[in-house]
């Protein structure tokens, strides 16, 4: 197995670990431990620690890429950051001014961010291929 593949698998492992710990922290208080505060704090802290480990795995993966792949990733991340900030603030303003009939939920923003990153990455890979 190549070093790059190992880094990708490690990143995937930490990403799935973070997602699982997020689900545990989100649904555990309601469905598993009946809002026990200490268990909820531990679940949230575990999720936070998994998030930090996922960021470190991302950094290690990006550092293993060649210059072109880093450029592709950096541009996709920059586009994603910019569009997410603009969309997020607009979405929040629409909520606070009652232009939308529901409350602004972070899950929509996270979904927007994931889709934006995916599309930006595809465009950049095609552009530089």
N, C-alpha and C. Protein backbone atom coordinates (compact mmCIF):
# COMPACT_ATOMS: atom_id res chain seq x y z
N UNK A 1 0.85 -1.18 0.00
CA UNK A 1 0.00 0.00 0.00
C UNK A 1 0.90 1.24 0.00
N UNK A 2 0.56 2.20 -0.86
CA UNK A 2 1.37 3.41 -0.96
C UNK A 2 1.14 4.32 0.24
N UNK A 3 2.08 5.23 0.45
CA UNK A 3 1.98 6.17 1.57
C UNK A 3 0.77 7.08 1.40
N UNK A 4 0.49 7.49 0.15
CA UNK A 4 -0.66 8.36 -0.09
C UNK A 4 -1.98 7.64 0.23
N UNK A 5 -2.06 6.37 -0.16
CA UNK A 5 -3.27 5.60 0.10
C UNK A 5 -3.48 5.43 1.60
N UNK A 6 -2.39 5.23 2.35
CA UNK A 6 -2.49 5.12 3.80
C UNK A 6 -3.02 6.42 4.41
N UNK A 7 -2.55 7.56 3.89
CA UNK A 7 -3.02 8.85 4.40
C UNK A 7 -4.50 9.07 4.07
N UNK A 8 -4.92 8.63 2.88
CA UNK A 8 -6.33 8.74 2.50
C UNK A 8 -7.19 7.87 3.41
N UNK A 9 -6.75 6.65 3.67
CA UNK A 9 -7.51 5.75 4.55
C UNK A 9 -7.55 6.28 5.98
N UNK A 10 -6.46 6.86 6.43
CA UNK A 10 -6.43 7.45 7.78
C UNK A 10 -7.39 8.63 7.84
N UNK A 11 -7.38 9.46 6.81
CA UNK A 11 -8.31 10.60 6.76
C UNK A 11 -9.75 10.10 6.73
N UNK A 12 -10.03 9.08 5.94
CA UNK A 12 -11.39 8.52 5.88
C UNK A 12 -11.79 7.97 7.24
N UNK A 13 -10.88 7.29 7.90
CA UNK A 13 -11.17 6.74 9.23
C UNK A 13 -11.51 7.82 10.24
N UNK A 14 -10.72 8.89 10.28
CA UNK A 14 -11.00 9.98 11.22
C UNK A 14 -12.27 10.73 10.84
N UNK A 15 -12.53 10.85 9.54
CA UNK A 15 -13.76 11.52 9.12
C UNK A 15 -14.98 10.72 9.56
N UNK A 16 -14.97 9.41 9.34
CA UNK A 16 -16.10 8.58 9.76
C UNK A 16 -16.21 8.53 11.28
N UNK A 17 -15.08 8.54 11.95
CA UNK A 17 -15.10 8.57 13.42
C UNK A 17 -15.75 9.86 13.92
N UNK A 18 -15.42 10.97 13.26
CA UNK A 18 -16.02 12.25 13.64
C UNK A 18 -17.53 12.23 13.38
N UNK A 19 -17.93 11.73 12.22
CA UNK A 19 -19.36 11.66 11.89
C UNK A 19 -20.10 10.78 12.90
N UNK A 20 -19.52 9.63 13.23
CA UNK A 20 -20.16 8.72 14.19
C UNK A 20 -20.25 9.37 15.57
N UNK A 21 -19.18 10.04 15.99
CA UNK A 21 -19.22 10.68 17.32
C UNK A 21 -20.19 11.86 17.32
N UNK A 22 -20.36 12.52 16.19
CA UNK A 22 -21.34 13.60 16.08
C UNK A 22 -22.76 13.04 16.23
N UNK A 23 -23.03 11.93 15.56
CA UNK A 23 -24.34 11.29 15.68
C UNK A 23 -24.58 10.84 17.12
N UNK A 24 -23.57 10.29 17.75
CA UNK A 24 -23.67 9.84 19.13
C UNK A 24 -23.96 11.02 20.06
N UNK A 25 -23.24 12.13 19.87
CA UNK A 25 -23.44 13.31 20.72
C UNK A 25 -24.80 13.96 20.46
N UNK A 26 -25.28 13.86 19.23
CA UNK A 26 -26.56 14.48 18.86
C UNK A 26 -27.75 13.66 19.34
N UNK A 27 -27.71 12.36 19.10
CA UNK A 27 -28.87 11.51 19.38
C UNK A 27 -28.78 10.76 20.71
N UNK A 28 -27.58 10.62 21.26
CA UNK A 28 -27.41 9.91 22.52
C UNK A 28 -28.23 10.49 23.67
N UNK A 29 -28.21 11.80 23.88
CA UNK A 29 -28.97 12.35 25.01
C UNK A 29 -30.46 12.04 24.94
N UNK A 30 -31.00 11.97 23.76
CA UNK A 30 -32.44 11.74 23.63
C UNK A 30 -32.80 10.25 23.63
N UNK A 31 -31.99 9.44 22.95
CA UNK A 31 -32.38 8.05 22.73
C UNK A 31 -31.61 7.03 23.57
N UNK A 32 -30.48 7.41 24.15
CA UNK A 32 -29.68 6.42 24.87
C UNK A 32 -29.59 6.71 26.37
N UNK A 33 -29.21 7.93 26.73
CA UNK A 33 -28.97 8.19 28.16
C UNK A 33 -29.87 9.25 28.78
N UNK A 34 -30.98 9.53 28.19
CA UNK A 34 -32.02 10.36 28.79
C UNK A 34 -31.50 11.69 29.35
N UNK A 35 -30.80 12.44 28.51
CA UNK A 35 -30.31 13.80 28.84
C UNK A 35 -29.40 13.87 30.06
N UNK A 36 -28.67 12.82 30.35
CA UNK A 36 -27.70 12.86 31.45
C UNK A 36 -26.58 13.83 31.06
N UNK A 37 -26.40 14.89 31.83
CA UNK A 37 -25.51 15.98 31.43
C UNK A 37 -24.05 15.55 31.32
N UNK A 38 -23.55 14.78 32.26
CA UNK A 38 -22.15 14.36 32.20
C UNK A 38 -21.87 13.51 30.96
N UNK A 39 -22.77 12.57 30.64
CA UNK A 39 -22.59 11.76 29.45
C UNK A 39 -22.66 12.60 28.18
N UNK A 40 -23.51 13.60 28.18
CA UNK A 40 -23.61 14.49 27.02
C UNK A 40 -22.32 15.29 26.86
N UNK A 41 -21.79 15.80 27.96
CA UNK A 41 -20.53 16.56 27.91
C UNK A 41 -19.41 15.67 27.39
N UNK A 42 -19.34 14.43 27.86
CA UNK A 42 -18.31 13.50 27.39
C UNK A 42 -18.47 13.19 25.90
N UNK A 43 -19.69 13.03 25.45
CA UNK A 43 -19.93 12.75 24.03
C UNK A 43 -19.54 13.95 23.16
N UNK A 44 -19.87 15.15 23.61
CA UNK A 44 -19.50 16.36 22.86
C UNK A 44 -17.99 16.54 22.86
N UNK A 45 -17.34 16.30 23.99
CA UNK A 45 -15.88 16.41 24.06
C UNK A 45 -15.20 15.38 23.15
N UNK A 46 -15.75 14.17 23.11
CA UNK A 46 -15.22 13.14 22.23
C UNK A 46 -15.37 13.56 20.77
N UNK A 47 -16.51 14.13 20.43
CA UNK A 47 -16.73 14.62 19.08
C UNK A 47 -15.74 15.72 18.73
N UNK A 48 -15.51 16.63 19.66
CA UNK A 48 -14.56 17.72 19.44
C UNK A 48 -13.15 17.16 19.21
N UNK A 49 -12.73 16.21 20.04
CA UNK A 49 -11.41 15.60 19.90
C UNK A 49 -11.28 14.87 18.56
N UNK A 50 -12.33 14.17 18.15
CA UNK A 50 -12.32 13.51 16.85
C UNK A 50 -12.22 14.53 15.72
N UNK A 51 -12.86 15.66 15.89
CA UNK A 51 -12.77 16.73 14.88
C UNK A 51 -11.35 17.25 14.75
N UNK A 52 -10.66 17.45 15.87
CA UNK A 52 -9.27 17.90 15.84
C UNK A 52 -8.40 16.85 15.13
N UNK A 53 -8.61 15.58 15.46
CA UNK A 53 -7.85 14.51 14.81
C UNK A 53 -8.12 14.47 13.31
N UNK A 54 -9.37 14.74 12.91
CA UNK A 54 -9.71 14.77 11.49
C UNK A 54 -9.00 15.93 10.79
N UNK A 55 -8.91 17.07 11.44
CA UNK A 55 -8.20 18.21 10.86
C UNK A 55 -6.72 17.88 10.68
N UNK A 56 -6.12 17.25 11.66
CA UNK A 56 -4.71 16.86 11.56
C UNK A 56 -4.52 15.86 10.41
N UNK A 57 -5.43 14.91 10.28
CA UNK A 57 -5.35 13.94 9.18
C UNK A 57 -5.50 14.65 7.83
N UNK A 58 -6.39 15.65 7.75
CA UNK A 58 -6.52 16.44 6.52
C UNK A 58 -5.22 17.15 6.20
N UNK A 59 -4.62 17.77 7.19
CA UNK A 59 -3.36 18.49 6.99
C UNK A 59 -2.28 17.54 6.50
N UNK A 60 -2.18 16.38 7.12
CA UNK A 60 -1.17 15.40 6.70
C UNK A 60 -1.42 14.94 5.26
N UNK A 61 -2.69 14.75 4.92
CA UNK A 61 -3.01 14.35 3.55
C UNK A 61 -2.63 15.44 2.56
N UNK A 62 -3.01 16.69 2.85
CA UNK A 62 -2.68 17.79 1.94
C UNK A 62 -1.18 17.96 1.80
N UNK A 63 -0.44 17.76 2.88
CA UNK A 63 1.01 17.89 2.81
C UNK A 63 1.65 16.79 1.99
N UNK A 64 0.95 15.67 1.77
CA UNK A 64 1.51 14.58 0.97
C UNK A 64 1.25 14.77 -0.52
N UNK A 65 0.43 15.75 -0.88
CA UNK A 65 0.08 15.96 -2.28
C UNK A 65 1.19 16.71 -3.03
N UNK A 66 1.22 16.54 -4.35
CA UNK A 66 2.15 17.31 -5.15
C UNK A 66 1.61 18.74 -5.33
N UNK A 67 2.39 19.60 -5.95
CA UNK A 67 2.02 21.02 -6.06
C UNK A 67 0.70 21.23 -6.79
N UNK A 68 0.47 20.52 -7.87
CA UNK A 68 -0.76 20.69 -8.64
C UNK A 68 -1.97 20.28 -7.82
N UNK A 69 -1.88 19.13 -7.15
CA UNK A 69 -3.01 18.67 -6.33
C UNK A 69 -3.27 19.64 -5.17
N UNK A 70 -2.21 20.18 -4.60
CA UNK A 70 -2.39 21.18 -3.53
C UNK A 70 -3.10 22.42 -4.07
N UNK A 71 -2.71 22.85 -5.27
CA UNK A 71 -3.34 24.03 -5.87
C UNK A 71 -4.83 23.77 -6.11
N UNK A 72 -5.15 22.59 -6.62
CA UNK A 72 -6.54 22.22 -6.88
C UNK A 72 -7.33 22.23 -5.57
N UNK A 73 -6.79 21.62 -4.53
CA UNK A 73 -7.45 21.58 -3.23
C UNK A 73 -7.60 22.97 -2.63
N UNK A 74 -6.54 23.76 -2.68
CA UNK A 74 -6.56 25.10 -2.09
C UNK A 74 -7.60 25.99 -2.77
N UNK A 75 -7.67 25.93 -4.10
CA UNK A 75 -8.68 26.72 -4.80
C UNK A 75 -10.09 26.26 -4.46
N UNK A 76 -10.30 24.95 -4.38
CA UNK A 76 -11.63 24.43 -4.02
C UNK A 76 -12.00 24.85 -2.61
N UNK A 77 -11.04 24.79 -1.69
CA UNK A 77 -11.31 25.21 -0.31
C UNK A 77 -11.58 26.71 -0.22
N UNK A 78 -10.85 27.51 -0.98
CA UNK A 78 -11.06 28.96 -0.98
C UNK A 78 -12.44 29.33 -1.51
N UNK A 79 -12.84 28.71 -2.60
CA UNK A 79 -14.17 28.95 -3.17
C UNK A 79 -15.24 28.52 -2.17
N UNK A 80 -15.04 27.36 -1.55
CA UNK A 80 -16.00 26.85 -0.58
C UNK A 80 -16.13 27.78 0.62
N UNK A 81 -15.01 28.24 1.15
CA UNK A 81 -15.05 29.15 2.28
C UNK A 81 -15.80 30.43 1.93
N UNK A 82 -15.45 31.04 0.81
CA UNK A 82 -16.10 32.28 0.41
C UNK A 82 -17.59 32.13 0.20
N UNK A 83 -17.99 31.11 -0.55
CA UNK A 83 -19.42 30.91 -0.81
C UNK A 83 -20.18 30.52 0.45
N UNK A 84 -19.55 29.76 1.34
CA UNK A 84 -20.22 29.37 2.58
C UNK A 84 -20.44 30.58 3.48
N UNK A 85 -19.48 31.46 3.58
CA UNK A 85 -19.65 32.68 4.38
C UNK A 85 -20.77 33.54 3.80
N UNK A 86 -20.73 33.77 2.49
CA UNK A 86 -21.76 34.59 1.85
C UNK A 86 -23.14 33.95 2.00
N UNK A 87 -23.25 32.67 1.69
CA UNK A 87 -24.53 31.97 1.80
C UNK A 87 -25.00 31.94 3.26
N UNK A 88 -24.08 31.64 4.18
CA UNK A 88 -24.45 31.54 5.59
C UNK A 88 -24.97 32.85 6.16
N UNK A 89 -24.30 33.93 5.84
CA UNK A 89 -24.75 35.23 6.34
C UNK A 89 -26.08 35.62 5.70
N UNK A 90 -26.21 35.39 4.41
CA UNK A 90 -27.47 35.69 3.73
C UNK A 90 -28.61 34.86 4.31
N UNK A 91 -28.35 33.59 4.55
CA UNK A 91 -29.33 32.68 5.12
C UNK A 91 -29.75 33.15 6.52
N UNK A 92 -28.77 33.57 7.31
CA UNK A 92 -29.06 34.07 8.66
C UNK A 92 -29.89 35.35 8.62
N UNK A 93 -29.53 36.27 7.73
CA UNK A 93 -30.29 37.51 7.59
C UNK A 93 -31.72 37.23 7.15
N UNK A 94 -31.87 36.28 6.23
CA UNK A 94 -33.22 35.92 5.78
C UNK A 94 -34.05 35.36 6.94
N UNK A 95 -33.39 34.65 7.86
CA UNK A 95 -34.09 34.12 9.03
C UNK A 95 -34.45 35.25 9.99
N UNK A 96 -33.50 36.11 10.31
CA UNK A 96 -33.76 37.16 11.30
C UNK A 96 -34.74 38.21 10.81
N UNK A 97 -34.85 38.36 9.50
CA UNK A 97 -35.81 39.32 8.94
C UNK A 97 -37.11 38.66 8.51
N UNK A 98 -37.24 37.38 8.82
CA UNK A 98 -38.44 36.60 8.51
C UNK A 98 -38.78 36.53 7.02
N UNK A 99 -37.75 36.51 6.19
CA UNK A 99 -37.96 36.32 4.75
C UNK A 99 -38.13 34.85 4.39
N UNK A 100 -37.75 33.97 5.31
CA UNK A 100 -37.99 32.55 5.12
C UNK A 100 -38.89 32.07 6.25
N UNK A 101 -39.76 31.10 5.97
CA UNK A 101 -40.76 30.69 6.97
C UNK A 101 -40.23 29.78 8.07
N UNK A 102 -38.93 29.39 8.01
CA UNK A 102 -38.40 28.48 9.01
C UNK A 102 -37.16 29.10 9.66
N UNK A 103 -36.68 28.44 10.72
CA UNK A 103 -35.44 28.89 11.34
C UNK A 103 -34.25 28.42 10.51
N UNK A 104 -33.21 29.23 10.46
CA UNK A 104 -31.99 28.85 9.78
C UNK A 104 -31.33 27.71 10.57
N UNK A 105 -31.03 26.64 9.91
CA UNK A 105 -30.42 25.47 10.55
C UNK A 105 -29.01 25.27 10.01
N UNK A 106 -28.08 24.96 10.90
CA UNK A 106 -26.69 24.76 10.51
C UNK A 106 -26.53 23.59 9.55
N UNK A 107 -27.42 22.61 9.64
CA UNK A 107 -27.31 21.44 8.77
C UNK A 107 -27.41 21.83 7.29
N UNK A 108 -28.23 22.80 6.98
CA UNK A 108 -28.32 23.26 5.59
C UNK A 108 -27.00 23.89 5.15
N UNK A 109 -26.39 24.65 6.04
CA UNK A 109 -25.12 25.29 5.71
C UNK A 109 -24.02 24.25 5.51
N UNK A 110 -23.99 23.22 6.35
CA UNK A 110 -23.00 22.16 6.21
C UNK A 110 -23.21 21.41 4.89
N UNK A 111 -24.45 21.13 4.56
CA UNK A 111 -24.75 20.49 3.28
C UNK A 111 -24.32 21.35 2.10
N UNK A 112 -24.61 22.64 2.17
CA UNK A 112 -24.19 23.58 1.12
C UNK A 112 -22.67 23.56 0.98
N UNK A 113 -21.97 23.55 2.11
CA UNK A 113 -20.51 23.55 2.08
C UNK A 113 -19.98 22.28 1.42
N UNK A 114 -20.54 21.13 1.75
CA UNK A 114 -20.09 19.87 1.16
C UNK A 114 -20.32 19.83 -0.34
N UNK A 115 -21.48 20.25 -0.77
CA UNK A 115 -21.80 20.26 -2.20
C UNK A 115 -20.90 21.25 -2.94
N UNK A 116 -20.70 22.42 -2.36
CA UNK A 116 -19.84 23.44 -2.98
C UNK A 116 -18.42 22.92 -3.14
N UNK A 117 -17.88 22.30 -2.10
CA UNK A 117 -16.52 21.77 -2.16
C UNK A 117 -16.41 20.69 -3.23
N UNK A 118 -17.37 19.80 -3.28
CA UNK A 118 -17.37 18.72 -4.27
C UNK A 118 -17.38 19.29 -5.68
N UNK A 119 -18.26 20.24 -5.95
CA UNK A 119 -18.36 20.83 -7.29
C UNK A 119 -17.10 21.61 -7.64
N UNK A 120 -16.58 22.39 -6.70
CA UNK A 120 -15.36 23.16 -6.95
C UNK A 120 -14.18 22.23 -7.22
N UNK A 121 -14.12 21.12 -6.51
CA UNK A 121 -13.04 20.16 -6.72
C UNK A 121 -13.15 19.53 -8.11
N UNK A 122 -14.37 19.16 -8.51
CA UNK A 122 -14.56 18.59 -9.85
C UNK A 122 -14.18 19.58 -10.95
N UNK A 123 -14.61 20.82 -10.79
CA UNK A 123 -14.29 21.85 -11.79
C UNK A 123 -12.79 22.06 -11.88
N UNK A 124 -12.13 22.18 -10.72
CA UNK A 124 -10.68 22.40 -10.71
C UNK A 124 -9.91 21.21 -11.29
N UNK A 125 -10.34 20.01 -10.98
CA UNK A 125 -9.65 18.83 -11.52
C UNK A 125 -9.80 18.77 -13.03
N UNK A 126 -10.96 19.10 -13.54
CA UNK A 126 -11.16 19.12 -15.01
C UNK A 126 -10.37 20.26 -15.65
N UNK A 127 -10.29 21.38 -14.97
CA UNK A 127 -9.59 22.54 -15.51
C UNK A 127 -8.09 22.28 -15.62
N UNK A 128 -7.52 21.57 -14.64
CA UNK A 128 -6.09 21.35 -14.64
C UNK A 128 -5.67 19.99 -15.20
N UNK A 129 -6.63 19.19 -15.65
CA UNK A 129 -6.30 17.86 -16.17
C UNK A 129 -5.73 17.92 -17.57
